[in-house]
Amino acid sequence: MPGRAEREAARLSVMAGARLILLHVIEKCYNSGFLATDSPEWKAIHDSWFSEARSLLDKKEEAIREQGCYSIKKEVRCGELVFEVAGVAVEQGASVIVAPICRGFSLKGLLAQSFSSRLMELSPCPVMLINEQDQAASM
């Protein structure tokens, strides 16, 4: 089942007749650059990361199509999340970025707020942040 941000992005895409771009960024590729070698083992690890990402996007695409959104493009990138999101928005001429955040009193929540602040600074278009935290858990 897609998250709130994906459902909202699909809804907006259908309403506007626009293409939805599903992006998965593999940050561990970027963060492990100093470990990279030409070895077959490293290539296999790298390939498995991309295979897992494509599989995840295929499942999300299927769930989003069930909502009536059919114009979907999937992208897998390797790099730092905020720069890749902003970069795809520039490359594709995005009208809006819909991004999930998870607010809370945790390190994950703090990092999510940092991500959203940086994304809003770098974005070439408006950013819609959707809280993914369960409503019942936040009460």
N, C-alpha and C. Protein backbone atom coordinates (compact mmCIF):
# COMPACT_ATOMS: atom_id res chain seq x y z
N MET A 1 0.84 -1.18 0.00
CA MET A 1 0.00 0.00 0.00
C MET A 1 0.89 1.25 0.00
N PRO A 2 0.58 2.19 -0.87
CA PRO A 2 1.41 3.40 -0.91
C PRO A 2 1.21 4.24 0.34
N GLY A 3 2.24 5.01 0.66
CA GLY A 3 2.16 5.91 1.80
C GLY A 3 1.30 7.12 1.47
N ARG A 4 1.11 7.96 2.48
CA ARG A 4 0.29 9.16 2.29
C ARG A 4 0.83 10.06 1.18
N ALA A 5 2.14 10.26 1.17
CA ALA A 5 2.73 11.14 0.16
C ALA A 5 2.48 10.58 -1.24
N GLU A 6 2.63 9.30 -1.41
CA GLU A 6 2.41 8.68 -2.73
C GLU A 6 0.95 8.77 -3.14
N ARG A 7 0.05 8.57 -2.18
CA ARG A 7 -1.38 8.69 -2.50
C ARG A 7 -1.72 10.12 -2.90
N GLU A 8 -1.18 11.09 -2.18
CA GLU A 8 -1.45 12.50 -2.50
C GLU A 8 -0.84 12.87 -3.85
N ALA A 9 0.37 12.41 -4.12
CA ALA A 9 1.00 12.68 -5.41
C ALA A 9 0.19 12.06 -6.55
N ALA A 10 -0.32 10.86 -6.35
CA ALA A 10 -1.15 10.21 -7.37
C ALA A 10 -2.43 10.99 -7.59
N ARG A 11 -3.04 11.44 -6.51
CA ARG A 11 -4.28 12.22 -6.61
C ARG A 11 -4.03 13.51 -7.40
N LEU A 12 -2.95 14.21 -7.08
CA LEU A 12 -2.62 15.45 -7.79
C LEU A 12 -2.32 15.18 -9.26
N SER A 13 -1.61 14.09 -9.52
CA SER A 13 -1.27 13.73 -10.90
C SER A 13 -2.52 13.47 -11.73
N VAL A 14 -3.46 12.73 -11.17
CA VAL A 14 -4.70 12.43 -11.88
C VAL A 14 -5.50 13.71 -12.12
N MET A 15 -5.62 14.56 -11.08
CA MET A 15 -6.38 15.81 -11.21
C MET A 15 -5.78 16.73 -12.28
N ALA A 16 -4.45 16.81 -12.33
CA ALA A 16 -3.78 17.72 -13.25
C ALA A 16 -3.50 17.09 -14.61
N GLY A 17 -3.70 15.79 -14.73
CA GLY A 17 -3.35 15.12 -15.97
C GLY A 17 -1.85 15.12 -16.21
N ALA A 18 -1.10 15.07 -15.12
CA ALA A 18 0.36 15.16 -15.19
C ALA A 18 1.01 13.80 -14.95
N ARG A 19 2.25 13.70 -15.37
CA ARG A 19 3.02 12.47 -15.13
C ARG A 19 3.56 12.49 -13.70
N LEU A 20 3.51 11.34 -13.07
CA LEU A 20 4.05 11.17 -11.72
C LEU A 20 5.41 10.50 -11.83
N ILE A 21 6.40 11.07 -11.17
CA ILE A 21 7.73 10.48 -11.16
C ILE A 21 7.98 9.89 -9.78
N LEU A 22 8.17 8.59 -9.73
CA LEU A 22 8.53 7.91 -8.49
C LEU A 22 10.05 7.81 -8.46
N LEU A 23 10.65 8.34 -7.42
CA LEU A 23 12.10 8.38 -7.31
C LEU A 23 12.56 7.60 -6.09
N HIS A 24 13.54 6.75 -6.30
CA HIS A 24 14.19 6.05 -5.19
C HIS A 24 15.68 6.38 -5.26
N VAL A 25 16.20 6.94 -4.17
CA VAL A 25 17.61 7.31 -4.13
C VAL A 25 18.35 6.35 -3.22
N ILE A 26 19.40 5.76 -3.77
CA ILE A 26 20.23 4.83 -3.00
C ILE A 26 21.40 5.64 -2.44
N GLU A 27 21.26 6.05 -1.20
CA GLU A 27 22.31 6.87 -0.59
C GLU A 27 23.53 6.06 -0.22
N LYS A 28 23.36 4.76 0.05
CA LYS A 28 24.52 3.97 0.46
C LYS A 28 25.54 3.84 -0.67
N CYS A 29 25.10 3.96 -1.92
CA CYS A 29 26.06 3.99 -3.04
C CYS A 29 26.98 5.20 -2.89
N TYR A 30 26.35 6.33 -2.65
CA TYR A 30 27.07 7.60 -2.52
C TYR A 30 27.98 7.58 -1.30
N ASN A 31 27.44 7.08 -0.19
CA ASN A 31 28.19 7.07 1.08
C ASN A 31 29.28 6.02 1.12
N SER A 32 29.27 5.07 0.21
CA SER A 32 30.27 4.00 0.24
C SER A 32 31.29 4.15 -0.88
N GLY A 33 31.34 5.31 -1.48
CA GLY A 33 32.23 5.53 -2.61
C GLY A 33 33.68 5.18 -2.32
N PHE A 34 34.13 5.43 -1.09
CA PHE A 34 35.52 5.14 -0.75
C PHE A 34 35.78 3.64 -0.65
N LEU A 35 34.73 2.83 -0.60
CA LEU A 35 34.88 1.37 -0.55
C LEU A 35 34.81 0.72 -1.92
N ALA A 36 34.37 1.48 -2.91
CA ALA A 36 34.14 0.92 -4.24
C ALA A 36 35.43 0.40 -4.87
N THR A 37 35.29 -0.73 -5.52
CA THR A 37 36.41 -1.33 -6.25
C THR A 37 35.88 -1.82 -7.59
N ASP A 38 36.77 -2.37 -8.37
CA ASP A 38 36.36 -2.96 -9.66
C ASP A 38 36.04 -4.45 -9.51
N SER A 39 35.99 -4.93 -8.30
CA SER A 39 35.80 -6.37 -8.08
C SER A 39 34.40 -6.82 -8.47
N PRO A 40 34.28 -8.07 -8.87
CA PRO A 40 32.96 -8.62 -9.19
C PRO A 40 32.04 -8.63 -7.97
N GLU A 41 32.62 -8.81 -6.78
CA GLU A 41 31.81 -8.83 -5.56
C GLU A 41 31.15 -7.47 -5.33
N TRP A 42 31.93 -6.40 -5.53
CA TRP A 42 31.37 -5.06 -5.33
C TRP A 42 30.29 -4.78 -6.38
N LYS A 43 30.53 -5.20 -7.61
CA LYS A 43 29.53 -5.01 -8.66
C LYS A 43 28.24 -5.75 -8.31
N ALA A 44 28.37 -6.95 -7.76
CA ALA A 44 27.18 -7.72 -7.37
C ALA A 44 26.40 -7.01 -6.26
N ILE A 45 27.11 -6.45 -5.29
CA ILE A 45 26.45 -5.70 -4.21
C ILE A 45 25.73 -4.49 -4.79
N HIS A 46 26.43 -3.75 -5.62
CA HIS A 46 25.86 -2.55 -6.25
C HIS A 46 24.64 -2.91 -7.08
N ASP A 47 24.74 -3.97 -7.87
CA ASP A 47 23.61 -4.41 -8.69
C ASP A 47 22.43 -4.84 -7.83
N SER A 48 22.70 -5.47 -6.69
CA SER A 48 21.60 -5.89 -5.81
C SER A 48 20.86 -4.69 -5.23
N TRP A 49 21.59 -3.62 -4.92
CA TRP A 49 20.93 -2.40 -4.42
C TRP A 49 19.97 -1.84 -5.47
N PHE A 50 20.42 -1.79 -6.73
CA PHE A 50 19.56 -1.27 -7.79
C PHE A 50 18.38 -2.20 -8.06
N SER A 51 18.62 -3.50 -7.99
CA SER A 51 17.54 -4.47 -8.19
C SER A 51 16.47 -4.31 -7.10
N GLU A 52 16.89 -4.17 -5.86
CA GLU A 52 15.94 -3.97 -4.75
C GLU A 52 15.15 -2.68 -4.95
N ALA A 53 15.83 -1.61 -5.38
CA ALA A 53 15.16 -0.33 -5.59
C ALA A 53 14.13 -0.43 -6.70
N ARG A 54 14.48 -1.08 -7.81
CA ARG A 54 13.53 -1.24 -8.91
C ARG A 54 12.33 -2.08 -8.49
N SER A 55 12.57 -3.11 -7.70
CA SER A 55 11.48 -3.95 -7.20
C SER A 55 10.53 -3.14 -6.31
N LEU A 56 11.09 -2.33 -5.44
CA LEU A 56 10.28 -1.48 -4.57
C LEU A 56 9.44 -0.51 -5.40
N LEU A 57 10.04 0.11 -6.41
CA LEU A 57 9.30 1.04 -7.26
C LEU A 57 8.22 0.33 -8.06
N ASP A 58 8.48 -0.90 -8.51
CA ASP A 58 7.46 -1.67 -9.23
C ASP A 58 6.24 -1.90 -8.35
N LYS A 59 6.46 -2.24 -7.08
CA LYS A 59 5.34 -2.46 -6.15
C LYS A 59 4.57 -1.18 -5.91
N LYS A 60 5.29 -0.06 -5.75
CA LYS A 60 4.62 1.22 -5.53
C LYS A 60 3.83 1.62 -6.77
N GLU A 61 4.40 1.38 -7.96
CA GLU A 61 3.70 1.71 -9.20
C GLU A 61 2.40 0.92 -9.30
N GLU A 62 2.45 -0.34 -8.98
CA GLU A 62 1.25 -1.18 -9.05
C GLU A 62 0.16 -0.66 -8.12
N ALA A 63 0.54 -0.30 -6.90
CA ALA A 63 -0.43 0.21 -5.94
C ALA A 63 -0.99 1.57 -6.38
N ILE A 64 -0.17 2.40 -6.97
CA ILE A 64 -0.61 3.72 -7.43
C ILE A 64 -1.53 3.58 -8.65
N ARG A 65 -1.26 2.62 -9.52
CA ARG A 65 -2.12 2.39 -10.68
C ARG A 65 -3.54 1.99 -10.22
N GLU A 66 -3.62 1.31 -9.09
CA GLU A 66 -4.93 0.93 -8.56
C GLU A 66 -5.74 2.17 -8.16
N GLN A 67 -5.08 3.31 -7.99
CA GLN A 67 -5.77 4.56 -7.66
C GLN A 67 -6.17 5.33 -8.92
N GLY A 68 -5.89 4.76 -10.09
CA GLY A 68 -6.28 5.40 -11.34
C GLY A 68 -5.21 6.30 -11.94
N CYS A 69 -4.02 6.27 -11.40
CA CYS A 69 -2.91 7.06 -11.94
C CYS A 69 -2.08 6.15 -12.84
N TYR A 70 -2.02 6.49 -14.14
CA TYR A 70 -1.36 5.60 -15.09
C TYR A 70 -0.12 6.20 -15.74
N SER A 71 0.04 7.51 -15.65
CA SER A 71 1.21 8.15 -16.25
C SER A 71 2.30 8.24 -15.18
N ILE A 72 3.13 7.19 -15.14
CA ILE A 72 4.13 7.06 -14.08
C ILE A 72 5.49 6.78 -14.70
N LYS A 73 6.48 7.50 -14.23
CA LYS A 73 7.86 7.25 -14.61
C LYS A 73 8.62 6.89 -13.35
N LYS A 74 9.47 5.87 -13.43
CA LYS A 74 10.25 5.43 -12.27
C LYS A 74 11.71 5.76 -12.50
N GLU A 75 12.35 6.28 -11.45
CA GLU A 75 13.78 6.64 -11.51
C GLU A 75 14.49 6.06 -10.30
N VAL A 76 15.64 5.48 -10.53
CA VAL A 76 16.52 5.05 -9.44
C VAL A 76 17.81 5.84 -9.59
N ARG A 77 18.20 6.51 -8.54
CA ARG A 77 19.40 7.33 -8.55
C ARG A 77 20.31 6.93 -7.40
N CYS A 78 21.55 7.25 -7.56
CA CYS A 78 22.56 7.00 -6.54
C CYS A 78 23.14 8.35 -6.17
N GLY A 79 23.06 8.73 -4.90
CA GLY A 79 23.60 10.02 -4.48
C GLY A 79 23.01 10.47 -3.17
N GLU A 80 23.15 11.75 -2.89
CA GLU A 80 22.59 12.33 -1.67
C GLU A 80 21.14 12.70 -1.96
N LEU A 81 20.24 12.26 -1.10
CA LEU A 81 18.80 12.35 -1.33
C LEU A 81 18.33 13.73 -1.77
N VAL A 82 18.64 14.75 -1.02
CA VAL A 82 18.10 16.08 -1.31
C VAL A 82 18.58 16.59 -2.67
N PHE A 83 19.84 16.33 -3.02
CA PHE A 83 20.35 16.80 -4.31
C PHE A 83 19.74 16.02 -5.47
N GLU A 84 19.51 14.73 -5.27
CA GLU A 84 18.92 13.92 -6.34
C GLU A 84 17.47 14.31 -6.57
N VAL A 85 16.72 14.57 -5.50
CA VAL A 85 15.31 14.98 -5.65
C VAL A 85 15.25 16.30 -6.40
N ALA A 86 16.03 17.27 -5.97
CA ALA A 86 16.03 18.58 -6.64
C ALA A 86 16.52 18.45 -8.08
N GLY A 87 17.52 17.60 -8.31
CA GLY A 87 18.04 17.41 -9.66
C GLY A 87 17.02 16.82 -10.61
N VAL A 88 16.29 15.82 -10.16
CA VAL A 88 15.24 15.22 -11.00
C VAL A 88 14.15 16.25 -11.28
N ALA A 89 13.82 17.06 -10.29
CA ALA A 89 12.80 18.11 -10.49
C ALA A 89 13.24 19.08 -11.59
N VAL A 90 14.51 19.46 -11.58
CA VAL A 90 15.03 20.37 -12.61
C VAL A 90 15.02 19.67 -13.97
N GLU A 91 15.58 18.47 -14.04
CA GLU A 91 15.67 17.73 -15.30
C GLU A 91 14.31 17.47 -15.94
N GLN A 92 13.32 17.15 -15.12
CA GLN A 92 12.01 16.77 -15.64
C GLN A 92 11.03 17.93 -15.72
N GLY A 93 11.44 19.11 -15.27
CA GLY A 93 10.54 20.27 -15.29
C GLY A 93 9.34 20.08 -14.38
N ALA A 94 9.59 19.57 -13.19
CA ALA A 94 8.51 19.28 -12.24
C ALA A 94 7.73 20.53 -11.85
N SER A 95 6.43 20.38 -11.68
CA SER A 95 5.57 21.46 -11.23
C SER A 95 5.50 21.52 -9.71
N VAL A 96 5.64 20.37 -9.09
CA VAL A 96 5.60 20.28 -7.63
C VAL A 96 6.34 19.02 -7.20
N ILE A 97 6.95 19.08 -6.03
CA ILE A 97 7.57 17.91 -5.42
C ILE A 97 6.71 17.53 -4.23
N VAL A 98 6.30 16.29 -4.17
CA VAL A 98 5.56 15.78 -3.01
C VAL A 98 6.51 14.85 -2.29
N ALA A 99 6.85 15.21 -1.05
CA ALA A 99 7.84 14.44 -0.30
C ALA A 99 7.29 14.02 1.05
N PRO A 100 7.57 12.78 1.43
CA PRO A 100 7.14 12.33 2.76
C PRO A 100 8.10 12.81 3.84
N ILE A 101 7.54 13.12 4.99
CA ILE A 101 8.36 13.40 6.17
C ILE A 101 7.74 12.66 7.34
N CYS A 102 8.53 12.43 8.33
CA CYS A 102 8.04 11.77 9.54
C CYS A 102 8.49 12.64 10.72
N ARG A 103 7.58 13.41 11.22
CA ARG A 103 7.91 14.32 12.33
C ARG A 103 7.80 13.57 13.65
N GLY A 104 8.63 13.96 14.56
CA GLY A 104 8.59 13.35 15.88
C GLY A 104 9.80 13.78 16.67
N PHE A 105 9.82 13.42 17.90
CA PHE A 105 10.93 13.78 18.76
C PHE A 105 11.96 12.65 18.73
N SER A 106 12.65 12.55 17.63
CA SER A 106 13.66 11.52 17.47
C SER A 106 14.72 12.03 16.52
N LEU A 107 15.81 11.31 16.46
CA LEU A 107 16.86 11.66 15.52
C LEU A 107 16.32 11.59 14.09
N LYS A 108 15.50 10.57 13.81
CA LYS A 108 14.91 10.43 12.47
C LYS A 108 14.05 11.65 12.15
N GLY A 109 13.26 12.13 13.12
CA GLY A 109 12.44 13.31 12.91
C GLY A 109 13.28 14.55 12.67
N LEU A 110 14.36 14.68 13.42
CA LEU A 110 15.26 15.82 13.24
C LEU A 110 15.90 15.80 11.86
N LEU A 111 16.34 14.62 11.42
CA LEU A 111 16.93 14.50 10.09
C LEU A 111 15.90 14.77 9.00
N ALA A 112 14.67 14.35 9.21
CA ALA A 112 13.61 14.59 8.23
C ALA A 112 13.37 16.09 8.09
N GLN A 113 13.37 16.81 9.21
CA GLN A 113 13.17 18.25 9.15
C GLN A 113 14.34 18.92 8.43
N SER A 114 15.54 18.41 8.66
CA SER A 114 16.71 18.94 7.98
C SER A 114 16.58 18.70 6.48
N PHE A 115 16.15 17.52 6.09
CA PHE A 115 15.95 17.19 4.68
C PHE A 115 14.92 18.13 4.07
N SER A 116 13.78 18.31 4.73
CA SER A 116 12.73 19.15 4.16
C SER A 116 13.18 20.60 4.03
N SER A 117 13.92 21.11 4.99
CA SER A 117 14.43 22.48 4.91
C SER A 117 15.39 22.63 3.73
N ARG A 118 16.29 21.68 3.58
CA ARG A 118 17.25 21.73 2.48
C ARG A 118 16.55 21.58 1.13
N LEU A 119 15.55 20.71 1.08
CA LEU A 119 14.83 20.51 -0.17
C LEU A 119 14.10 21.79 -0.57
N MET A 120 13.47 22.45 0.37
CA MET A 120 12.77 23.69 0.04
C MET A 120 13.74 24.77 -0.43
N GLU A 121 14.95 24.77 0.08
CA GLU A 121 15.96 25.74 -0.36
C GLU A 121 16.44 25.45 -1.79
N LEU A 122 16.60 24.18 -2.12
CA LEU A 122 17.17 23.78 -3.41
C LEU A 122 16.14 23.60 -4.52
N SER A 123 14.90 23.40 -4.16
CA SER A 123 13.88 23.04 -5.14
C SER A 123 13.59 24.14 -6.15
N PRO A 124 13.44 23.75 -7.42
CA PRO A 124 13.08 24.72 -8.44
C PRO A 124 11.57 24.97 -8.51
N CYS A 125 10.80 24.26 -7.67
CA CYS A 125 9.35 24.35 -7.71
C CYS A 125 8.80 24.21 -6.28
N PRO A 126 7.50 24.43 -6.09
CA PRO A 126 6.93 24.26 -4.76
C PRO A 126 7.12 22.83 -4.24
N VAL A 127 7.23 22.71 -2.91
CA VAL A 127 7.41 21.42 -2.25
C VAL A 127 6.22 21.20 -1.32
N MET A 128 5.55 20.07 -1.48
CA MET A 128 4.46 19.69 -0.58
C MET A 128 4.98 18.58 0.31
N LEU A 129 5.04 18.86 1.61
CA LEU A 129 5.53 17.88 2.57
C LEU A 129 4.34 17.19 3.21
N ILE A 130 4.35 15.87 3.18
CA ILE A 130 3.26 15.07 3.73
C ILE A 130 3.78 14.29 4.93
N ASN A 131 3.12 14.47 6.06
CA ASN A 131 3.50 13.76 7.27
C ASN A 131 3.07 12.30 7.15
N GLU A 132 4.04 11.42 7.19
CA GLU A 132 3.78 9.98 7.06
C GLU A 132 3.46 9.32 8.39
N GLN A 133 3.65 10.04 9.48
CA GLN A 133 3.43 9.47 10.80
C GLN A 133 1.95 9.15 10.98
N ASP A 134 1.68 8.01 11.58
CA ASP A 134 0.32 7.57 11.83
C ASP A 134 -0.37 8.56 12.76
N GLN A 135 -1.57 9.00 12.38
CA GLN A 135 -2.31 9.97 13.18
C GLN A 135 -2.57 9.47 14.60
N ALA A 136 -2.90 8.20 14.73
CA ALA A 136 -3.19 7.64 16.05
C ALA A 136 -1.95 7.67 16.95
N ALA A 137 -0.80 7.44 16.36
CA ALA A 137 0.44 7.43 17.13
C ALA A 137 0.84 8.82 17.58
N SER A 138 0.41 9.85 16.86
CA SER A 138 0.82 11.22 17.20
C SER A 138 -0.09 11.84 18.24
N MET A 139 -1.18 11.20 18.59
CA MET A 139 -2.12 11.78 19.58
C MET A 139 -1.79 11.34 20.98
